[in-house]
Amino acid sequence: MRLRFFFLSLVLVITSCTARETEREAFPAWSLPGQPRDVVQVLTGRYGEQAFQFQVRLSLTTEKMQLVGLNALGQRAFSILWDENGVAVEKADGISDDIKAVDILKVIIATYWPVDHPMQSRVADRTQDLQISYQTSRDNAWNETVEIRDLKSDYEMTIISYGLSQ
């Protein structure tokens, strides 16, 4: 019985960790919008009727932005690398193709980049439908709770961010 449970667990772990090949997506080259930072985030929300929860680790340096999302079991669900070559994406097999890395980046830019940053104009097509509420202010968004709603795409999420010391 224990041996069968062990093999079943091993199969589940191996299959849940498999990822598709890295995909490249067209997006402007990376440019740091302020100070380098490392952030841990907890995302909870819904897309249509589907509830979701992820833990996300973001690292923003002068060379790149790296984002890794873990599902509720701690397994890597997706990763996004944004550097001078554009955007590279890996998604686990269970992650919907409807989830687009560039859309995630546009929401991040709309939410966290300074309002007057040049990238804001490049993501305006996506952000015009977003309703973003900050716990206190945009300046503190990397260290507090942000709520995002998109009625057109039928999703909402709450992001709790914790900036890590550099």
C-alpha atoms as a PDB file:
ATOM      1  CA  MET A   1       0.000   0.000   0.000  1.00  0.00           C
ATOM      2  CA  ARG A   2       2.774   2.448   0.940  1.00  0.00           C
ATOM      3  CA  LEU A   3       4.734   1.572  -2.176  1.00  0.00           C
ATOM      4  CA  ARG A   4       1.712   2.173  -4.397  1.00  0.00           C
ATOM      5  CA  PHE A   5       1.066   5.533  -2.662  1.00  0.00           C
ATOM      6  CA  PHE A   6       4.740   6.474  -3.167  1.00  0.00           C
ATOM      7  CA  PHE A   7       4.647   5.694  -6.898  1.00  0.00           C
ATOM      8  CA  LEU A   8       1.327   7.478  -7.352  1.00  0.00           C
ATOM      9  CA  SER A   9       2.745  10.531  -5.571  1.00  0.00           C
ATOM     10  CA  LEU A  10       5.895  10.385  -7.688  1.00  0.00           C
ATOM     11  CA  VAL A  11       3.878  10.229 -10.911  1.00  0.00           C
ATOM     12  CA  LEU A  12       1.749  13.195  -9.813  1.00  0.00           C
ATOM     13  CA  VAL A  13       4.812  15.263  -8.942  1.00  0.00           C
ATOM     14  CA  ILE A  14       6.602  14.450 -12.190  1.00  0.00           C
ATOM     15  CA  THR A  15       3.590  15.142 -14.394  1.00  0.00           C
ATOM     16  CA  SER A  16       2.694  18.348 -12.586  1.00  0.00           C
ATOM     17  CA  CYS A  17       6.195  19.736 -13.026  1.00  0.00           C
ATOM     18  CA  THR A  18       6.347  19.266 -16.763  1.00  0.00           C
ATOM     19  CA  ALA A  19       6.295  22.498 -18.695  1.00  0.00           C
ATOM     20  CA  ARG A  20       5.796  23.323 -22.314  1.00  0.00           C
ATOM     21  CA  GLU A  21       8.696  24.598 -24.311  1.00  0.00           C
ATOM     22  CA  THR A  22       9.648  28.208 -23.871  1.00  0.00           C
ATOM     23  CA  GLU A  23       7.585  30.522 -26.056  1.00  0.00           C
ATOM     24  CA  ARG A  24       8.804  33.950 -27.168  1.00  0.00           C
ATOM     25  CA  GLU A  25       6.367  36.832 -27.402  1.00  0.00           C
ATOM     26  CA  ALA A  26       6.829  40.210 -29.049  1.00  0.00           C
ATOM     27  CA  PHE A  27       7.172  43.010 -26.511  1.00  0.00           C
ATOM     28  CA  PRO A  28       9.541  45.967 -26.153  1.00  0.00           C
ATOM     29  CA  ALA A  29      12.967  45.314 -24.642  1.00  0.00           C
ATOM     30  CA  TRP A  30      13.194  45.448 -20.838  1.00  0.00           C
ATOM     31  CA  SER A  31      13.863  48.757 -19.126  1.00  0.00           C
ATOM     32  CA  LEU A  32      13.845  49.054 -15.327  1.00  0.00           C
ATOM     33  CA  PRO A  33      11.112  51.536 -14.298  1.00  0.00           C
ATOM     34  CA  GLY A  34      12.763  52.616 -11.043  1.00  0.00           C
ATOM     35  CA  GLN A  35      14.798  50.909  -8.365  1.00  0.00           C
ATOM     36  CA  PRO A  36      15.655  47.199  -8.553  1.00  0.00           C
ATOM     37  CA  ARG A  37      13.388  45.150  -6.326  1.00  0.00           C
ATOM     38  CA  ASP A  38      12.340  41.662  -5.301  1.00  0.00           C
ATOM     39  CA  VAL A  39       8.697  41.111  -4.430  1.00  0.00           C
ATOM     40  CA  VAL A  40       6.593  38.190  -3.233  1.00  0.00           C
ATOM     41  CA  GLN A  41       2.897  38.363  -4.066  1.00  0.00           C
ATOM     42  CA  VAL A  42      -0.187  36.350  -3.226  1.00  0.00           C
ATOM     43  CA  LEU A  43      -2.826  36.544  -5.968  1.00  0.00           C
ATOM     44  CA  THR A  44      -6.382  35.404  -5.392  1.00  0.00           C
ATOM     45  CA  GLY A  45      -9.290  35.954  -7.686  1.00  0.00           C
ATOM     46  CA  ARG A  46     -11.555  34.599 -10.349  1.00  0.00           C
ATOM     47  CA  TYR A  47     -11.660  34.501 -14.120  1.00  0.00           C
ATOM     48  CA  GLY A  48     -15.263  33.958 -15.150  1.00  0.00           C
ATOM     49  CA  GLU A  49     -16.475  31.204 -12.819  1.00  0.00           C
ATOM     50  CA  GLN A  50     -12.953  29.809 -12.305  1.00  0.00           C
ATOM     51  CA  ALA A  51     -11.285  30.738  -8.996  1.00  0.00           C
ATOM     52  CA  PHE A  52      -7.500  30.933  -8.858  1.00  0.00           C
ATOM     53  CA  GLN A  53      -4.715  31.460  -6.362  1.00  0.00           C
ATOM     54  CA  PHE A  54      -1.017  31.874  -7.065  1.00  0.00           C
ATOM     55  CA  GLN A  55       2.082  32.829  -5.165  1.00  0.00           C
ATOM     56  CA  VAL A  56       4.308  34.963  -7.380  1.00  0.00           C
ATOM     57  CA  ARG A  57       7.950  35.933  -7.033  1.00  0.00           C
ATOM     58  CA  LEU A  58       9.039  38.988  -9.033  1.00  0.00           C
ATOM     59  CA  SER A  59      12.612  40.109  -9.497  1.00  0.00           C
ATOM     60  CA  LEU A  60      13.266  43.414 -11.261  1.00  0.00           C
ATOM     61  CA  THR A  61      16.907  44.221 -12.039  1.00  0.00           C
ATOM     62  CA  THR A  62      18.638  46.439 -14.569  1.00  0.00           C
ATOM     63  CA  GLU A  63      19.031  43.398 -16.872  1.00  0.00           C
ATOM     64  CA  LYS A  64      15.611  41.725 -16.635  1.00  0.00           C
ATOM     65  CA  MET A  65      12.311  41.113 -14.945  1.00  0.00           C
ATOM     66  CA  GLN A  66      11.740  37.544 -13.905  1.00  0.00           C
ATOM     67  CA  LEU A  67       8.359  36.334 -12.666  1.00  0.00           C
ATOM     68  CA  VAL A  68       7.561  32.847 -11.373  1.00  0.00           C
ATOM     69  CA  GLY A  69       4.035  31.799 -10.402  1.00  0.00           C
ATOM     70  CA  LEU A  70       3.362  28.830  -8.154  1.00  0.00           C
ATOM     71  CA  ASN A  71      -0.013  27.131  -7.795  1.00  0.00           C
ATOM     72  CA  ALA A  72      -1.663  26.357  -4.445  1.00  0.00           C
ATOM     73  CA  LEU A  73       0.413  23.161  -4.171  1.00  0.00           C
ATOM     74  CA  GLY A  74       3.675  25.069  -4.612  1.00  0.00           C
ATOM     75  CA  GLN A  75       4.268  23.768  -8.146  1.00  0.00           C
ATOM     76  CA  ARG A  76       5.521  26.087 -10.863  1.00  0.00           C
ATOM     77  CA  ALA A  77       2.542  27.118 -12.958  1.00  0.00           C
ATOM     78  CA  PHE A  78       4.273  29.649 -15.197  1.00  0.00           C
ATOM     79  CA  SER A  79       7.370  31.766 -15.540  1.00  0.00           C
ATOM     80  CA  ILE A  80       7.997  34.917 -17.523  1.00  0.00           C
ATOM     81  CA  LEU A  81      11.383  36.378 -18.404  1.00  0.00           C
ATOM     82  CA  TRP A  82      11.442  39.893 -19.845  1.00  0.00           C
ATOM     83  CA  ASP A  83      14.870  41.042 -20.998  1.00  0.00           C
ATOM     84  CA  GLU A  84      16.599  42.814 -23.892  1.00  0.00           C
ATOM     85  CA  ASN A  85      15.375  40.058 -26.241  1.00  0.00           C
ATOM     86  CA  GLY A  86      11.705  40.518 -25.365  1.00  0.00           C
ATOM     87  CA  VAL A  87       9.524  38.093 -23.420  1.00  0.00           C
ATOM     88  CA  ALA A  88      10.026  34.347 -22.892  1.00  0.00           C
ATOM     89  CA  VAL A  89       7.242  32.287 -21.312  1.00  0.00           C
ATOM     90  CA  GLU A  90       6.946  28.799 -19.853  1.00  0.00           C
ATOM     91  CA  LYS A  91       3.592  27.424 -18.681  1.00  0.00           C
ATOM     92  CA  ALA A  92       2.817  24.116 -17.024  1.00  0.00           C
ATOM     93  CA  ASP A  93       0.548  21.828 -19.008  1.00  0.00           C
ATOM     94  CA  GLY A  94      -2.468  22.572 -16.813  1.00  0.00           C
ATOM     95  CA  ILE A  95      -2.354  26.330 -17.421  1.00  0.00           C
ATOM     96  CA  SER A  96      -4.871  27.613 -19.953  1.00  0.00           C
ATOM     97  CA  ASP A  97      -3.699  29.027 -23.267  1.00  0.00           C
ATOM     98  CA  ASP A  98      -6.106  31.894 -22.552  1.00  0.00           C
ATOM     99  CA  ILE A  99      -3.573  33.208 -20.024  1.00  0.00           C
ATOM    100  CA  LYS A 100      -1.200  35.388 -22.031  1.00  0.00           C
ATOM    101  CA  ALA A 101       2.145  36.582 -20.667  1.00  0.00           C
ATOM    102  CA  VAL A 102       1.949  39.912 -22.467  1.00  0.00           C
ATOM    103  CA  ASP A 103      -1.456  40.543 -20.885  1.00  0.00           C
ATOM    104  CA  ILE A 104       0.008  39.793 -17.447  1.00  0.00           C
ATOM    105  CA  LEU A 105       2.856  42.224 -18.142  1.00  0.00           C
ATOM    106  CA  LYS A 106       0.445  44.922 -19.304  1.00  0.00           C
ATOM    107  CA  VAL A 107      -1.542  44.612 -16.078  1.00  0.00           C
ATOM    108  CA  ILE A 108       1.680  44.757 -14.023  1.00  0.00           C
ATOM    109  CA  ILE A 109       2.794  47.880 -15.890  1.00  0.00           C
ATOM    110  CA  ALA A 110      -0.618  49.531 -15.519  1.00  0.00           C
ATOM    111  CA  THR A 111      -0.657  48.771 -11.806  1.00  0.00           C
ATOM    112  CA  TYR A 112       2.915  49.316 -10.633  1.00  0.00           C
ATOM    113  CA  TRP A 113       4.863  51.451 -13.136  1.00  0.00           C
ATOM    114  CA  PRO A 114       4.871  55.232 -12.583  1.00  0.00           C
ATOM    115  CA  VAL A 115       1.906  56.943 -14.284  1.00  0.00           C
ATOM    116  CA  ASP A 116       4.217  59.055 -16.449  1.00  0.00           C
ATOM    117  CA  HIS A 117       6.469  56.155 -17.542  1.00  0.00           C
ATOM    118  CA  PRO A 118       6.633  55.758 -21.369  1.00  0.00           C
ATOM    119  CA  MET A 119       5.456  52.130 -21.125  1.00  0.00           C
ATOM    120  CA  GLN A 120       2.053  53.313 -19.864  1.00  0.00           C
ATOM    121  CA  SER A 121       1.173  54.553 -23.342  1.00  0.00           C
ATOM    122  CA  ARG A 122       2.236  51.205 -24.840  1.00  0.00           C
ATOM    123  CA  VAL A 123      -0.204  49.273 -22.639  1.00  0.00           C
ATOM    124  CA  ALA A 124      -3.146  51.701 -22.828  1.00  0.00           C
ATOM    125  CA  ASP A 125      -5.072  49.319 -25.111  1.00  0.00           C
ATOM    126  CA  ARG A 126      -5.232  46.784 -22.287  1.00  0.00           C
ATOM    127  CA  THR A 127      -5.498  49.044 -19.290  1.00  0.00           C
ATOM    128  CA  GLN A 128      -8.473  51.127 -20.359  1.00  0.00           C
ATOM    129  CA  ASP A 129     -10.779  48.355 -19.085  1.00  0.00           C
ATOM    130  CA  LEU A 130      -9.062  47.952 -15.701  1.00  0.00           C
ATOM    131  CA  GLN A 131     -10.376  49.267 -12.411  1.00  0.00           C
ATOM    132  CA  ILE A 132      -7.419  49.423 -10.002  1.00  0.00           C
ATOM    133  CA  SER A 133      -7.825  50.181  -6.279  1.00  0.00           C
ATOM    134  CA  TYR A 134      -4.805  50.762  -4.038  1.00  0.00           C
ATOM    135  CA  GLN A 135      -4.805  50.202  -0.286  1.00  0.00           C
ATOM    136  CA  THR A 136      -3.183  53.627   0.206  1.00  0.00           C
ATOM    137  CA  SER A 137      -1.490  54.877  -2.966  1.00  0.00           C
ATOM    138  CA  ARG A 138       0.225  53.758  -6.160  1.00  0.00           C
ATOM    139  CA  ASP A 139       3.607  54.721  -4.655  1.00  0.00           C
ATOM    140  CA  ASN A 140       3.188  52.001  -1.995  1.00  0.00           C
ATOM    141  CA  ALA A 141       1.738  49.330  -4.281  1.00  0.00           C
ATOM    142  CA  TRP A 142       4.797  47.050  -4.099  1.00  0.00           C
ATOM    143  CA  ASN A 143       4.200  46.662  -0.332  1.00  0.00           C
ATOM    144  CA  GLU A 144       0.447  46.481   0.102  1.00  0.00           C
ATOM    145  CA  THR A 145      -2.851  45.192  -1.263  1.00  0.00           C
ATOM    146  CA  VAL A 146      -4.123  46.086  -4.722  1.00  0.00           C
ATOM    147  CA  GLU A 147      -7.483  45.075  -6.190  1.00  0.00           C
ATOM    148  CA  ILE A 148      -7.925  44.816  -9.954  1.00  0.00           C
ATOM    149  CA  ARG A 149     -11.186  44.327 -11.828  1.00  0.00           C
ATOM    150  CA  ASP A 150     -11.787  43.913 -15.520  1.00  0.00           C
ATOM    151  CA  LEU A 151     -15.513  43.720 -16.176  1.00  0.00           C
ATOM    152  CA  LYS A 152     -15.031  43.299 -19.933  1.00  0.00           C
ATOM    153  CA  SER A 153     -12.839  40.197 -19.499  1.00  0.00           C
ATOM    154  CA  ASP A 154     -14.833  39.071 -16.440  1.00  0.00           C
ATOM    155  CA  TYR A 155     -12.015  38.782 -13.947  1.00  0.00           C
ATOM    156  CA  GLU A 156     -11.044  40.244 -10.633  1.00  0.00           C
ATOM    157  CA  MET A 157      -8.117  39.652  -8.350  1.00  0.00           C
ATOM    158  CA  THR A 158      -6.574  40.816  -5.136  1.00  0.00           C
ATOM    159  CA  ILE A 159      -2.786  41.070  -4.977  1.00  0.00           C
ATOM    160  CA  ILE A 160      -0.995  41.228  -1.641  1.00  0.00           C
ATOM    161  CA  SER A 161       2.625  42.308  -2.181  1.00  0.00           C
ATOM    162  CA  TYR A 162       5.622  42.116   0.117  1.00  0.00           C
ATOM    163  CA  GLY A 163       8.768  43.899  -1.005  1.00  0.00           C
ATOM    164  CA  LEU A 164      11.910  42.048   0.068  1.00  0.00           C
ATOM    165  CA  SER A 165      15.007  43.869   1.284  1.00  0.00           C
ATOM    166  CA  GLN A 166      17.689  44.367  -1.328  1.00  0.00           C
END
